[in-house]
Protein backbone atom coordinates (compact mmCIF):
# COMPACT_ATOMS: atom_id res chain seq x y z
CA THR A 1 114.87 77.94 14.98
CA ILE A 2 112.97 79.23 17.99
CA ILE A 3 115.94 78.80 20.00
CA MET A 4 118.18 80.74 17.48
CA GLU A 5 115.96 83.44 17.34
CA ILE A 6 116.11 83.80 21.23
CA ILE A 7 119.80 83.91 20.89
CA LYS A 8 119.86 86.33 18.42
CA GLU A 9 117.78 88.43 20.70
CA ILE A 10 119.24 87.70 23.77
CA MET A 11 122.83 88.07 23.12
CA GLU A 12 122.02 90.93 20.52
CA THR A 13 124.08 89.60 17.77
CA GLU A 14 124.16 89.39 13.88
CA ALA A 15 123.89 85.88 13.69
CA SER A 16 123.39 82.59 15.62
CA THR A 17 124.21 79.12 14.76
CA LEU A 18 123.13 75.72 15.78
CA PHE A 19 125.19 72.79 14.86
CA LEU A 20 124.30 69.29 15.87
CA TYR A 21 126.63 66.57 16.76
CA ASP A 22 126.61 63.25 14.09
CA GLU A 23 127.87 60.37 16.21
CA LYS A 24 128.26 58.21 12.96
CA THR A 25 130.59 60.67 11.24
CA ASN A 26 132.22 62.40 14.64
CA GLU A 27 131.39 65.67 12.81
CA LEU A 28 129.22 68.76 13.49
CA VAL A 29 126.65 69.68 10.77
CA PHE A 30 125.05 73.33 10.45
CA LYS A 31 121.61 72.61 11.48
CA VAL A 32 120.12 76.06 11.91
CA ALA A 33 122.08 79.45 11.25
CA LEU A 34 119.92 82.92 11.52
CA GLY A 35 121.24 85.97 10.25
CA GLU A 36 122.93 87.40 7.09
CA ALA A 37 124.80 84.12 6.06
CA GLY A 38 121.99 81.84 7.44
CA ASP A 39 120.24 80.60 4.02
CA LYS A 40 124.05 80.08 3.03
CA LEU A 41 125.11 77.98 5.76
CA GLN A 42 122.05 75.81 6.74
CA GLU A 43 122.79 72.47 6.32
CA LYS A 44 125.86 73.25 3.72
CA TYR A 45 128.86 72.56 5.97
CA ARG A 46 130.06 69.78 8.31
CA VAL A 47 132.80 70.57 10.87
CA LYS A 48 135.11 67.96 12.28
CA LEU A 49 135.81 67.84 16.02
CA GLY A 50 138.77 70.13 16.36
CA GLN A 51 138.09 72.02 13.29
CA GLY A 52 137.35 76.05 13.79
CA ILE A 53 136.26 77.57 17.25
CA ALA A 54 133.35 75.37 16.83
CA GLY A 55 135.22 72.47 16.32
CA TRP A 56 137.15 73.26 19.49
CA VAL A 57 134.35 73.34 21.80
CA ALA A 58 132.90 70.51 20.98
CA LYS A 59 135.99 68.52 21.38
CA GLU A 60 136.97 69.91 24.54
CA ARG A 61 133.52 70.07 25.84
CA LYS A 62 133.80 73.73 27.19
CA GLY A 63 132.65 77.31 26.37
CA ILE A 64 134.65 80.28 24.71
CA PHE A 65 134.25 83.74 23.55
CA VAL A 66 136.81 85.26 20.87
CA ASN A 67 136.73 88.91 20.17
CA ASP A 68 139.09 89.02 17.26
CA VAL A 69 139.02 85.58 15.77
CA TYR A 70 140.95 86.31 13.13
CA SER A 71 143.93 86.67 15.48
CA ASP A 72 143.04 83.47 17.06
CA ASN A 73 144.44 80.39 15.41
CA ARG A 74 141.36 78.30 16.18
CA PHE A 75 139.28 79.98 13.93
CA ASP A 76 138.67 78.81 10.56
CA PRO A 77 137.98 81.74 8.02
CA ASN A 78 136.90 79.41 5.10
CA PHE A 79 133.26 79.82 6.30
CA ASP A 80 133.33 83.78 5.74
CA LYS A 81 135.22 83.31 2.19
CA GLN A 82 132.73 80.98 0.80
CA THR A 83 129.38 82.86 2.29
CA GLY A 84 130.81 86.44 2.20
CA PHE A 85 130.07 87.16 5.98
CA THR A 86 132.62 88.64 8.06
CA THR A 87 133.06 87.39 11.54
CA ARG A 88 134.44 89.55 14.09
CA SER A 89 133.64 88.07 17.39
CA ILE A 90 132.58 84.58 18.37
CA ILE A 91 130.73 83.17 21.80
CA CYS A 92 130.31 79.52 21.83
CA VAL A 93 129.10 77.00 24.14
CA PRO A 94 128.43 73.19 23.99
CA LEU A 95 125.10 71.33 24.40
CA LEU A 96 125.77 68.45 26.73
CA TYR A 97 122.76 66.22 27.65
CA LYS A 98 123.73 63.91 30.72
CA GLY A 99 127.34 64.26 29.66
CA LYS A 100 126.68 63.46 26.00
CA LEU A 101 127.49 65.95 23.34
CA LEU A 102 124.20 66.86 21.36
CA GLY A 103 125.91 69.85 19.49
CA VAL A 104 127.13 73.42 19.76
CA ILE A 105 125.38 77.01 19.87
CA GLN A 106 127.28 79.83 18.91
CA ALA A 107 126.43 83.75 18.92
CA ILE A 108 128.26 86.07 16.26
CA ASN A 109 129.11 89.57 16.03
CA PRO A 110 127.57 91.56 18.88
CA ILE A 111 125.27 94.34 18.07
CA ASN A 112 125.98 98.00 19.83
CA ARG A 113 128.51 96.95 21.68
CA PRO A 114 132.36 96.20 20.69
CA ALA A 115 132.73 92.90 22.20
CA PHE A 116 131.88 89.90 24.22
CA THR A 117 132.00 89.69 27.95
CA GLU A 118 132.34 87.51 30.94
CA GLU A 119 128.86 88.33 31.68
CA ASP A 120 127.59 87.43 28.17
CA MET A 121 129.45 83.97 28.73
CA HIS A 122 127.25 83.39 32.12
CA LEU A 123 124.27 84.12 30.24
CA PHE A 124 124.79 82.23 27.29
CA LEU A 125 125.49 79.13 29.45
CA ALA A 126 122.54 79.70 31.54
CA PHE A 127 120.55 79.50 28.38
CA ALA A 128 122.17 76.60 27.04
CA ASP A 129 121.30 74.59 29.88
CA GLN A 130 117.38 75.31 28.95
CA ALA A 131 117.89 74.84 25.23
CA VAL A 132 119.80 71.31 25.46
CA LEU A 133 116.48 69.88 26.44
CA ALA A 134 114.70 71.42 23.73
CA VAL A 135 117.46 70.07 21.32
CA GLN A 136 117.16 66.89 23.02
CA ASN A 137 113.25 66.50 22.41
CA ALA A 138 113.94 67.67 18.74
CA ILE A 139 116.00 65.01 18.16
CA PHE A 140 113.94 62.61 19.85
CA PHE A 141 110.91 63.76 17.67
CA GLU A 142 113.18 63.51 14.84
CA HIS A 143 114.23 59.99 15.21
CA ALA A 144 110.41 59.19 16.13
CA ILE A 145 109.55 60.38 12.39
CA GLU A 146 112.46 58.56 10.98
CA GLU A 147 111.25 55.50 12.69
CA ALA A 148 107.60 55.78 11.44
CA ARG A 149 108.79 56.50 8.00
CA MET A 150 110.84 53.33 8.01
CA ARG A 151 108.02 51.27 9.45
CA HIS A 152 105.91 52.50 6.72
CA GLU A 153 108.38 51.82 4.16
CA LEU A 154 108.75 48.29 5.61
CA GLU A 155 105.02 47.93 5.75
CA SER A 156 104.85 48.72 2.20
CA ALA A 157 107.77 46.57 1.04
CA LYS A 158 106.00 43.73 3.04
CA ALA A 159 102.58 44.31 1.23
CA ILE A 160 104.27 44.05 -2.16
CA GLN A 161 106.10 41.38 -1.28
CA HIS A 162 102.87 39.47 -0.05
CA SER A 163 101.37 40.41 -3.11
CA LEU A 164 104.25 38.77 -5.10
CA HIS A 165 104.18 35.61 -3.14
CA PRO A 166 100.48 34.96 -1.33
CA ALA A 167 99.29 31.88 0.06
CA ILE A 168 98.08 29.90 -3.04
CA SER A 169 95.68 26.88 -3.63
CA GLU A 170 95.29 26.24 -7.31
CA ASP A 171 93.87 23.45 -9.41
CA PHE A 172 96.02 22.89 -12.60
CA GLY A 173 93.86 19.94 -14.11
CA PHE A 174 96.75 17.20 -14.00
CA CYS A 175 97.58 18.57 -10.45
CA THR A 176 96.76 20.57 -7.58
CA VAL A 177 99.42 22.85 -5.95
CA ALA A 178 99.41 25.09 -2.77
CA ALA A 179 102.12 27.14 -1.57
CA ARG A 180 102.93 29.42 1.50
CA TYR A 181 105.47 32.13 2.30
CA VAL A 182 105.92 33.28 5.82
CA PRO A 183 109.09 35.61 6.63
CA ALA A 184 110.66 36.17 10.19
CA ARG A 185 110.30 39.74 9.87
CA GLU A 186 108.48 42.09 7.69
CA VAL A 187 110.12 41.06 4.60
CA GLY A 188 112.62 38.05 3.92
CA GLY A 189 114.74 36.35 1.43
CA GLU A 190 112.82 33.54 0.17
CA PHE A 191 110.47 32.98 -2.87
CA TYR A 192 108.46 30.37 -4.55
CA GLU A 193 107.64 30.56 -8.18
CA ILE A 194 104.96 28.31 -10.14
CA LYS A 195 104.71 28.69 -13.83
CA GLN A 196 102.22 26.67 -16.29
CA TYR A 197 103.33 25.88 -19.58
CA ASP A 198 101.48 23.71 -22.24
CA ASN A 199 101.28 20.04 -20.25
CA ALA A 200 103.70 21.12 -17.73
CA LEU A 201 104.14 22.94 -14.44
CA ALA A 202 107.21 24.57 -13.13
CA VAL A 203 107.77 24.60 -9.53
CA ALA A 204 110.76 26.67 -7.59
CA LEU A 205 111.75 27.21 -3.93
CA CYS A 206 114.82 29.29 -3.25
CA ASP A 207 116.37 30.76 0.04
CA VAL A 208 119.27 33.31 -0.18
CA HIS A 209 119.93 32.92 3.62
CA ASN A 210 119.55 36.51 4.39
CA LYS A 211 116.30 37.81 6.32
CA GLY A 212 115.08 41.20 6.49
CA VAL A 213 115.35 44.04 3.77
CA PRO A 214 119.01 42.65 2.67
CA GLY A 215 117.48 39.25 1.99
CA ALA A 216 114.38 40.52 0.28
CA LEU A 217 116.80 42.43 -2.18
CA ASN A 218 118.59 39.55 -2.99
CA ALA A 219 115.41 37.38 -3.46
CA ALA A 220 113.88 39.91 -5.41
CA LEU A 221 116.95 39.90 -7.73
CA VAL A 222 117.16 36.22 -8.16
CA ASN A 223 113.41 35.55 -8.48
CA GLY A 224 113.17 38.38 -11.44
CA LEU A 225 116.23 37.01 -13.21
CA MET A 226 114.69 33.19 -13.01
CA LYS A 227 111.46 34.21 -14.12
CA GLY A 228 113.13 35.43 -17.46
CA LEU A 229 115.37 32.27 -17.60
CA MET A 230 111.92 30.34 -17.36
CA ASN A 231 110.38 32.47 -20.25
CA VAL A 232 113.54 32.12 -22.23
CA TYR A 233 113.99 28.32 -21.92
CA GLY A 234 110.61 26.96 -21.32
CA ASN A 235 110.09 23.54 -19.45
CA VAL A 236 113.70 22.34 -19.36
CA VAL A 237 115.13 21.99 -15.98
CA SER A 238 118.91 22.24 -16.70
CA PRO A 239 119.63 25.67 -18.23
CA VAL A 240 117.09 27.46 -15.81
CA PHE A 241 118.70 25.86 -12.76
CA ILE A 242 122.22 26.44 -13.81
CA ASN A 243 122.17 29.92 -15.28
CA THR A 244 120.03 30.97 -11.78
CA LEU A 245 123.10 29.63 -10.00
CA LYS A 246 125.37 31.66 -12.06
CA VAL A 247 123.56 34.78 -11.72
CA VAL A 248 123.78 34.11 -7.62
CA GLN A 249 127.38 33.42 -7.80
CA ALA A 250 127.96 36.87 -10.14
CA HIS A 251 126.00 39.18 -7.82
CA ASN A 252 128.14 37.69 -4.63
CA ILE A 253 125.34 36.19 -2.89
CA LYS A 254 127.30 33.60 -0.55
CA THR A 255 124.69 31.07 0.29
CA VAL A 256 121.60 30.00 -1.80
CA SER A 257 119.32 26.80 -1.50
CA LEU A 258 117.38 26.39 -4.55
CA PHE A 259 115.32 23.50 -5.78
CA PHE A 260 113.67 23.65 -9.29
CA GLY A 261 111.32 21.39 -11.10
CA ILE A 262 109.07 20.32 -14.12
CA ILE A 263 106.07 18.26 -13.52
CA HIS A 264 105.07 16.72 -17.03
CA ALA A 265 101.46 16.20 -17.42
CA GLN A 266 101.54 13.30 -20.09
CA LEU A 267 104.57 11.59 -18.80
CA LYS A 268 103.46 11.86 -15.02
CA THR A 269 107.04 12.66 -14.18
CA LEU A 270 108.86 15.42 -11.89
CA THR A 271 112.33 16.38 -13.33
CA PHE A 272 114.33 18.37 -10.76
CA MET A 273 117.56 19.73 -9.66
CA ASN A 274 118.46 20.89 -6.19
CA THR A 275 121.20 22.60 -3.96
CA GLY A 276 121.77 23.66 -0.57
CA GLU A 277 119.08 23.52 2.26
CA ALA A 278 115.76 23.04 0.20
CA TYR A 279 114.30 19.43 1.15
CA PRO A 280 112.11 17.92 -1.63
CA VAL A 281 109.85 14.85 -0.08
CA LEU A 282 107.65 12.43 -2.13
CA ILE A 283 104.86 11.12 -0.47
CA ARG A 284 103.42 8.00 -1.94
CA ASN A 285 100.68 5.46 -0.17
CA GLY A 286 101.27 7.47 3.03
CA ILE A 287 104.86 6.76 3.09
CA ALA A 288 107.54 9.85 2.95
CA ARG A 289 110.60 9.74 1.09
CA TYR A 290 113.29 12.20 1.12
CA LEU A 291 114.72 12.89 -2.55
CA ARG A 292 118.05 13.47 -1.44
CA PHE A 293 119.81 13.91 -4.97
CA SER A 294 121.92 16.84 -6.26
CA HIS A 295 122.44 18.50 -2.89
CA SER A 296 125.59 20.47 -3.44
CA ILE A 297 126.23 23.12 -5.95
CA GLU A 298 129.25 21.12 -7.61
CA ASN A 299 127.62 17.77 -7.86
CA ASN A 300 123.95 19.10 -8.90
CA LYS A 301 122.33 16.47 -11.57
CA LYS A 302 119.13 16.53 -13.16
CA VAL A 303 116.76 13.67 -11.48
CA VAL A 304 113.81 12.43 -12.94
CA ILE A 305 110.91 10.73 -10.76
CA GLN A 306 108.09 8.76 -12.02
CA LEU A 307 105.06 10.15 -10.55
CA PHE A 308 101.36 8.29 -10.08
CA PRO A 309 97.97 9.55 -9.15
CA GLY A 310 97.71 10.48 -5.86
CA ASP A 311 101.29 11.24 -5.03
CA MET A 312 102.10 14.20 -3.39
CA PHE A 313 105.42 16.05 -3.70
CA PHE A 314 106.32 18.73 -1.37
CA SER A 315 109.78 20.98 -0.86
CA ASP A 316 110.26 23.31 2.20
CA SER A 317 113.10 25.60 3.02
CA ASP A 318 115.26 25.22 6.09
CA GLY A 319 113.08 27.57 8.44
CA ILE A 320 110.96 24.47 9.23
CA VAL A 321 113.56 22.09 9.66
CA ASN A 322 116.00 23.90 11.56
CA CYS A 323 113.23 25.42 14.19
CA LYS A 324 114.07 24.98 17.56
CA ASN A 325 111.48 24.88 20.73
CA ARG A 326 112.42 26.36 24.39
CA ASN A 327 114.55 22.96 25.06
CA ALA A 328 116.83 23.72 21.92
CA ARG A 329 115.26 20.83 20.05
CA LEU A 330 115.27 20.65 16.26
CA PHE A 331 111.89 20.25 14.56
CA GLY A 332 113.70 18.06 12.02
CA LEU A 333 113.05 16.82 8.51
CA LYS A 334 111.47 13.61 10.14
CA GLN A 335 108.98 15.37 11.87
CA VAL A 336 108.16 17.20 8.67
CA MET A 337 107.44 14.10 6.69
CA ASP A 338 105.45 12.52 9.48
CA THR A 339 103.24 15.60 9.95
CA CYS A 340 102.66 15.79 6.06
CA CYS A 341 101.83 12.01 5.86
CA GLN A 342 98.84 12.81 7.81
CA TYR A 343 97.35 15.00 4.91
CA ASN A 344 95.88 14.23 1.43
CA GLU A 345 95.72 17.57 0.15
CA PRO A 346 98.11 20.08 -0.63
CA SER A 347 96.83 23.36 1.40
CA GLU A 348 95.65 20.85 4.22
CA CYS A 349 99.45 19.55 4.24
CA ILE A 350 100.99 22.92 4.41
CA ASP A 351 98.50 24.56 6.93
CA GLY A 352 98.72 21.60 9.16
CA LEU A 353 102.49 21.64 9.06
CA LEU A 354 102.50 25.16 9.73
CA ALA A 355 100.21 24.78 12.82
CA LYS A 356 102.48 21.82 14.07
CA VAL A 357 105.55 24.12 13.93
CA LYS A 358 103.74 26.86 15.59
CA GLU A 359 102.90 24.16 18.23
CA PHE A 360 106.15 23.05 18.64
CA MET A 361 107.72 26.77 19.15
CA GLN A 362 106.09 26.86 22.47
CA GLY A 363 105.14 30.86 21.81
CA LEU A 364 108.62 31.42 20.58
CA SER A 365 109.35 34.01 17.72
CA GLN A 366 110.17 32.81 14.28
CA ARG A 367 113.63 33.05 13.77
CA GLU A 368 113.87 31.90 10.22
CA ASP A 369 111.88 32.70 6.94
CA ILE A 370 109.72 29.84 5.81
CA SER A 371 108.45 28.74 2.51
CA VAL A 372 106.58 25.74 1.44
CA ILE A 373 105.21 24.38 -1.80
CA ALA A 374 103.20 21.23 -2.22
CA VAL A 375 101.92 19.53 -5.37
CA LYS A 376 99.67 16.38 -5.60
CA ILE A 377 99.16 14.45 -8.81
CA GLN A 378 95.50 14.02 -9.95
């Protein structure tokens, strides 16, 4: 606004306008407009490169002045028609920063003189050279504010997702449960779910295989619908699992890994279904066994495992198994099982596993979301 006020004063014109170039749409946008039509013009119009005098200046990267705009075929009279303003003369120059187009400034209708002159053009070009630095700084500042806003929103989303899936360690009487979720970015595309029924406990682990905000949105959608299915169908595995996959397919979520199981207290059984890259493992008497059943969506079947006191079951997403070190070596499922066999309690098992993964990565940044859930039978 200050720039445009100065233009209006220096050039002694009825109005002045600033267009900023939008690289995404390849258009000029009215950013500031001072004068009789200012309020009507501001942020209202977009101009394609080559459209009107301003669009021509932006496209050709050179300034012009026209003293009878209605006799110039480059002039677009639609602005006058929509605002009620009458344009007679325009002087217009591009704003170029290191050869890059930032926008266009123009002054409209000289006051107390009949027309713009070459002297006006020299003055306007000299001013534009100075104004371009102010405009560039304003753009940088605007981008910084937008980035700060995005960071704030991501931090808020991170806090919300963490509150929904905090690190837990809980005793349910017939079993103890621990779970951890560590997104690769501020938010991620995985979740775990635990729900207690009478004499049963439901545990779920899901990965929609998409990181960041898109993954978090898909995960939130699947998680919310799965919770509803768990309330509707109770402690019955098949309808919850199958209908969750139907939701996934209906919403065009291309890849999903899902483990869903019910631990029955009196029967001492684990009934589960599994698809994709979720890795259920049973540890009994210090020996780990990978429960590789129902691995594909097409052939998923309900599996029932008899449990005994002291058994520990856990499932993790592919974020651990596919983790690589500086030598591009995979952490692998075997190392997951070997590590977990060293611990007797679920929380110790998960924390020890995550510490082992961190050591294995040798300082590299985490590239995949990580989810782990562990259950020990009492």
